[in-house]
Protein backbone atom coordinates (compact mmCIF):
# COMPACT_ATOMS: atom_id res chain seq x y z
CA MET A 1 35.50 6.10 -10.26
CA GLN A 2 34.26 7.25 -6.89
CA LEU A 3 32.30 10.47 -6.75
CA THR A 4 30.71 12.20 -3.80
CA GLU A 5 27.82 14.45 -4.66
CA GLY A 6 28.40 18.02 -3.55
CA GLY A 7 25.86 20.13 -5.41
CA PRO A 8 25.87 23.86 -4.69
CA ALA A 9 26.72 23.26 -1.04
CA ARG A 10 28.89 25.25 1.29
CA GLY A 11 32.54 24.36 1.52
CA CYS A 12 35.65 25.80 3.11
CA VAL A 13 39.41 25.74 2.80
CA ALA A 14 41.65 25.56 5.85
CA PRO A 15 43.64 28.81 6.06
CA ALA A 16 47.32 28.60 5.28
CA GLY A 17 49.39 28.60 8.43
CA GLY A 18 51.12 31.98 8.65
CA ARG A 19 54.34 32.53 10.57
CA ALA A 20 53.80 33.61 14.19
CA GLY A 21 55.05 37.13 14.89
CA LEU A 22 55.51 39.31 17.97
CA GLY A 23 52.76 39.02 20.53
CA GLY A 24 51.54 35.75 19.01
CA ARG A 25 50.11 37.49 15.94
CA ARG A 26 50.03 35.49 12.72
CA ASP A 27 50.30 36.53 9.11
CA PRO A 28 46.92 36.79 7.29
CA PRO A 29 45.85 33.52 5.67
CA THR A 30 46.48 33.31 1.96
CA ARG A 31 44.55 31.39 -0.67
CA PRO A 32 46.62 29.05 -2.82
CA SER A 33 47.41 30.56 -6.21
CA ALA A 34 44.97 29.43 -8.88
CA PRO A 35 46.33 27.13 -11.59
CA PRO A 36 46.20 28.43 -15.18
CA TRP A 37 42.97 27.60 -16.95
CA GLN A 38 43.08 25.04 -19.73
CA LEU A 39 40.44 25.40 -22.42
CA LEU A 40 38.64 22.67 -24.35
CA LEU A 41 36.37 23.82 -27.20
CA GLU A 42 34.23 21.07 -28.74
CA PRO A 43 31.70 22.53 -31.19
CA ARG A 44 31.20 19.24 -33.07
CA GLY A 45 29.55 17.47 -30.16
CA ARG A 46 29.73 14.03 -28.54
CA SER A 47 27.23 11.48 -27.28
CA GLY A 48 25.90 11.70 -23.73
CA PRO A 49 28.13 8.91 -22.35
CA GLU A 50 31.24 10.37 -24.01
CA ASN A 51 30.50 13.84 -22.67
CA MET A 52 30.04 12.58 -19.12
CA ALA A 53 33.19 10.48 -19.38
CA VAL A 54 35.24 13.50 -20.51
CA ASP A 55 33.91 15.63 -17.65
CA VAL A 56 34.78 12.92 -15.12
CA ALA A 57 38.25 12.54 -16.65
CA LEU A 58 38.81 16.28 -16.15
CA LEU A 59 37.58 16.03 -12.56
CA GLU A 60 40.02 13.20 -11.89
CA ARG A 61 42.90 15.21 -13.34
CA ALA A 62 41.92 18.24 -11.29
CA ASP A 63 41.99 16.11 -8.15
CA ARG A 64 45.15 14.17 -8.99
CA MET A 65 47.26 16.92 -10.58
CA GLY A 66 45.74 20.18 -9.37
CA GLU A 67 44.84 21.34 -12.88
CA ALA A 68 41.91 23.60 -13.80
CA PHE A 69 39.78 23.18 -16.91
CA LEU A 70 37.08 25.09 -18.76
CA ARG A 71 35.28 22.93 -21.29
CA LEU A 72 32.64 24.20 -23.75
CA TYR A 73 30.77 21.52 -25.67
CA ARG A 74 27.50 20.20 -27.06
CA PHE A 75 25.60 16.93 -27.35
CA ASP A 76 25.28 15.01 -30.62
CA PRO A 77 22.82 13.37 -30.82
CA ALA A 78 20.49 15.36 -28.56
CA CYS A 79 20.21 13.72 -25.19
CA LEU A 80 18.12 13.62 -22.02
CA SER A 81 20.34 13.64 -18.92
CA LEU A 82 19.16 12.56 -15.48
CA GLY A 83 20.67 13.75 -12.23
CA ARG A 84 22.88 11.34 -10.31
CA ASN A 85 20.26 10.65 -7.63
CA GLU A 86 17.11 11.37 -9.64
CA ALA A 87 14.40 8.70 -9.56
CA ALA A 88 14.34 7.15 -13.03
CA GLY A 89 10.96 5.57 -12.31
CA GLY A 90 9.31 8.89 -13.06
CA TYR A 91 10.07 8.50 -16.75
CA ASP A 92 8.31 6.31 -19.32
CA ARG A 93 10.99 4.14 -20.89
CA ALA A 94 8.60 2.90 -23.57
CA ALA A 95 7.81 6.48 -24.63
CA ILE A 96 11.53 7.27 -24.62
CA ALA A 97 12.23 4.26 -26.85
CA ARG A 98 9.39 5.16 -29.28
CA ARG A 99 10.83 8.65 -29.68
CA GLY A 100 14.39 7.36 -30.04
CA VAL A 101 15.58 9.59 -27.20
CA ASP A 102 19.13 9.08 -25.96
CA VAL A 103 19.37 9.06 -22.15
CA VAL A 104 22.40 9.38 -19.86
CA ARG A 105 22.74 9.73 -16.09
CA ARG A 106 25.09 12.51 -15.01
CA PRO A 107 27.72 12.20 -12.27
CA THR A 108 26.29 15.39 -10.76
CA GLY A 109 23.04 15.97 -8.90
CA GLY A 110 19.96 17.89 -9.95
CA ALA A 111 17.10 16.94 -12.25
CA ALA A 112 16.52 16.14 -15.92
CA VAL A 113 17.80 18.36 -18.73
CA TRP A 114 17.13 18.10 -22.46
CA HIS A 115 20.41 18.84 -24.27
CA GLU A 116 19.74 20.02 -27.79
CA HIS A 117 19.88 23.73 -28.67
CA GLU A 118 22.37 24.79 -26.01
CA LEU A 119 25.96 25.37 -25.06
CA THR A 120 27.11 23.09 -22.26
CA TYR A 121 29.95 24.25 -20.03
CA ALA A 122 32.07 22.30 -17.55
CA VAL A 123 34.52 23.61 -14.97
CA ALA A 124 36.82 21.13 -13.23
CA ALA A 125 39.32 22.51 -10.74
CA PRO A 126 40.70 22.20 -7.22
CA ILE A 127 38.14 23.38 -4.67
CA ALA A 128 40.74 25.83 -3.35
CA THR A 129 40.62 27.70 -6.68
CA PHE A 130 37.48 29.51 -5.54
CA GLY A 131 37.71 28.88 -1.79
CA GLY A 132 34.82 26.40 -1.48
CA LEU A 133 31.98 24.73 -3.36
CA ARG A 134 29.41 27.44 -2.73
CA ARG A 135 31.92 30.13 -3.66
CA ALA A 136 32.75 28.24 -6.85
CA TYR A 137 29.06 28.03 -7.73
CA GLN A 138 28.63 31.76 -7.20
CA ALA A 139 31.86 32.76 -8.93
CA ILE A 140 31.17 30.69 -12.03
CA HIS A 141 27.66 32.06 -12.34
CA ALA A 142 29.00 35.58 -11.84
CA ARG A 143 31.34 35.07 -14.80
CA LEU A 144 28.49 33.68 -16.88
CA ALA A 145 26.36 36.67 -15.90
CA THR A 146 29.09 38.92 -17.29
CA VAL A 147 29.04 36.93 -20.51
CA LEU A 148 25.28 37.24 -20.84
CA GLY A 149 25.58 40.98 -20.27
CA THR A 150 27.99 41.30 -23.19
CA LEU A 151 25.50 39.43 -25.35
CA GLY A 152 22.70 41.86 -24.49
CA VAL A 153 20.70 40.31 -21.65
CA SER A 154 20.54 41.34 -18.00
CA PRO A 155 20.52 38.29 -15.72
CA THR A 156 19.80 38.15 -12.00
CA LEU A 157 20.64 35.47 -9.45
CA ALA A 158 17.85 33.31 -8.07
CA PRO A 159 17.45 33.73 -4.29
CA ASP A 160 18.43 30.90 -1.96
CA ARG A 161 15.24 28.92 -1.55
CA PRO A 162 15.80 25.21 -0.81
CA ALA A 163 13.22 22.85 -2.29
CA PRO A 164 11.12 20.84 0.19
CA PRO A 165 12.51 17.34 0.73
CA SER A 166 9.39 15.75 -0.78
CA THR A 167 9.90 17.71 -3.99
CA ALA A 168 13.60 16.95 -4.18
CA LEU A 169 13.16 13.21 -3.67
CA HIS A 170 9.89 12.24 -5.32
CA ARG A 171 8.84 14.65 -8.06
CA PRO A 172 10.69 14.29 -11.36
CA ASP A 173 10.47 18.01 -12.13
CA PRO A 174 13.01 18.94 -14.81
CA CYS A 175 15.97 21.14 -14.02
CA PHE A 176 14.44 24.14 -15.79
CA ALA A 177 11.03 23.86 -14.09
CA ALA A 178 12.13 26.02 -11.17
CA PRO A 179 15.27 27.96 -10.24
CA VAL A 180 17.58 27.02 -7.38
CA GLY A 181 19.40 29.64 -5.30
CA GLY A 182 22.27 31.24 -7.20
CA GLU A 183 21.16 30.20 -10.69
CA LEU A 184 20.84 32.73 -13.50
CA LEU A 185 17.44 34.16 -14.39
CA VAL A 186 16.23 36.57 -17.03
CA ARG A 187 12.84 38.16 -16.30
CA ALA A 188 12.41 35.55 -13.54
CA ARG A 189 12.85 32.73 -16.07
CA LYS A 190 15.72 30.26 -15.91
CA LEU A 191 18.38 30.51 -18.61
CA VAL A 192 21.24 28.49 -17.10
CA GLY A 193 20.99 25.24 -15.12
CA SER A 194 24.03 23.90 -13.26
CA ALA A 195 25.05 21.03 -10.99
CA GLN A 196 28.14 20.08 -8.98
CA VAL A 197 30.01 17.05 -7.73
CA ARG A 198 33.25 16.77 -5.77
CA ARG A 199 36.04 14.22 -5.74
CA GLY A 200 38.66 14.56 -3.03
CA GLY A 201 40.05 18.08 -3.25
CA ALA A 202 38.49 18.93 -6.62
CA PHE A 203 35.04 19.67 -8.03
CA LEU A 204 33.19 19.47 -11.30
CA GLN A 205 30.45 21.94 -12.17
CA HIS A 206 28.70 21.65 -15.48
CA GLY A 207 25.54 23.17 -16.85
CA SER A 208 23.42 24.19 -19.82
CA ILE A 209 23.03 27.63 -21.34
CA LEU A 210 19.85 27.45 -23.43
CA LEU A 211 20.26 28.95 -26.88
CA ASP A 212 16.92 28.00 -28.44
CA GLY A 213 14.22 25.31 -28.42
CA SER A 214 12.43 24.05 -25.32
CA GLN A 215 12.51 21.46 -22.55
CA GLU A 216 9.03 20.15 -23.37
CA ILE A 217 10.19 16.69 -24.39
CA ILE A 218 10.82 15.98 -20.70
CA THR A 219 7.11 16.41 -20.04
CA ALA A 220 6.28 14.13 -22.98
CA VAL A 221 8.28 11.20 -21.55
CA SER A 222 7.34 11.69 -17.88
CA ARG A 223 4.90 9.46 -16.04
CA LYS A 224 3.63 12.18 -13.70
CA PRO A 225 2.36 15.73 -14.18
CA GLN A 226 5.11 18.30 -13.91
CA ALA A 227 5.39 21.96 -13.14
CA ALA A 228 5.20 24.21 -16.17
CA SER A 229 8.58 25.07 -17.61
CA ALA A 230 10.11 28.28 -16.29
CA ALA A 231 12.86 28.26 -18.92
CA THR A 232 13.84 30.89 -21.43
CA THR A 233 16.47 30.92 -24.17
CA LEU A 234 19.03 33.41 -25.42
CA SER A 235 17.38 33.53 -28.84
CA GLU A 236 14.04 34.34 -27.23
CA GLU A 237 15.50 37.05 -25.03
CA LEU A 238 17.56 38.66 -27.79
CA GLY A 239 14.91 38.37 -30.49
CA ARG A 240 17.38 36.77 -32.89
CA ARG A 241 19.12 33.46 -33.48
CA ILE A 242 22.33 33.16 -31.52
CA THR A 243 24.99 30.59 -32.33
CA TRP A 244 27.08 28.24 -30.22
CA ASP A 245 30.28 29.88 -31.50
CA GLU A 246 29.08 33.34 -30.53
CA VAL A 247 28.40 32.32 -26.94
CA ALA A 248 31.61 30.27 -26.71
CA ASP A 249 33.69 33.23 -27.87
CA ALA A 250 32.05 35.47 -25.27
CA ILE A 251 32.75 32.98 -22.46
CA VAL A 252 36.41 32.64 -23.41
CA ALA A 253 36.80 36.43 -23.61
CA ALA A 254 35.24 36.91 -20.17
CA TRP A 255 37.09 34.08 -18.43
CA GLY A 256 40.36 35.94 -18.17
CA THR A 257 43.97 35.29 -19.04
CA GLY A 258 46.07 32.16 -18.83
CA ILE A 259 43.82 29.94 -20.94
CA THR A 260 45.59 27.33 -23.04
CA SER A 261 44.39 24.47 -25.21
CA PRO A 262 45.62 21.12 -23.88
CA ASN A 263 45.96 17.96 -25.92
CA LEU A 264 43.91 15.56 -23.86
CA HIS A 265 43.53 11.89 -24.56
CA GLN A 266 40.16 10.30 -25.05
CA PRO A 267 38.43 9.38 -21.77
CA PRO A 268 39.02 5.81 -20.58
CA PRO A 269 36.77 3.33 -22.42
CA THR A 270 35.71 1.94 -19.04
CA SER A 271 34.25 5.35 -18.15
CA ILE A 272 32.32 5.58 -21.42
CA THR A 273 31.07 2.04 -20.81
CA LEU A 274 29.82 3.03 -17.35
CA PHE A 275 27.79 5.96 -18.64
CA SER A 276 26.45 3.81 -21.49
CA ASP A 277 25.32 1.04 -19.15
CA PRO A 278 21.52 0.85 -18.61
CA ALA A 279 22.26 -0.44 -15.10
CA TRP A 280 23.77 2.98 -14.32
CA THR A 281 21.27 5.04 -16.29
CA TRP A 282 18.17 3.40 -14.77
CA ARG A 283 19.65 2.46 -11.40
CA ARG A 284 17.17 4.43 -9.29
């Protein structure tokens, strides 16, 4: 497995070569037709290593076969995920062990996320589906914003505001401590956290939609002081308990036509082994 990190970064697709006409004019470039979306609904949940292995398997299929996937899932047991290049030294492994916290390192960038009361989404598709990595990031969040609107909240997009290099490299602030440009906010508080990675001509974007609970356990197992959480949850915003199934149904309804349910094999055991390996999890 060879992945190149490509978080919400700008990308482009070479225009299709149109036929030259009179006077040297060319036909307008056309974007390749998008493949039909294939849907995976997994309400029962998987472990952190299994979930990451499935997402990578979908990325590999998107790159190798040009397929497009929407996966909606959850973590069981609850799990702390670290970003691909996040410094693991900022976390207290003894405290993590005492609390019995499962930990996995994602194939995508970004910072730590506590996966418990949430719906996790993953999109794996050819980069050309949206016309670039940045466009994919924006388009996916636009669809999720539509979903949140149908559920009764009014999200806004965080402005582009790159974090200082010192913050990005050295402070183990959790994903929901501060918004990144293009992420979804409700009353200036972060509701959805996402990260990207690319492989060849395809990309994987996955992220957490917080349904309830908090991210405070990240602070409890961190070695250094952290910024106060800027997260909110759908239950908090709506003033009622909202279920995984309710949000999943809304996402599927908003995603559009052409969604099917593929019969996918289990991810390769070697991939699950990689994401279960402490040498990978604590490599930085």
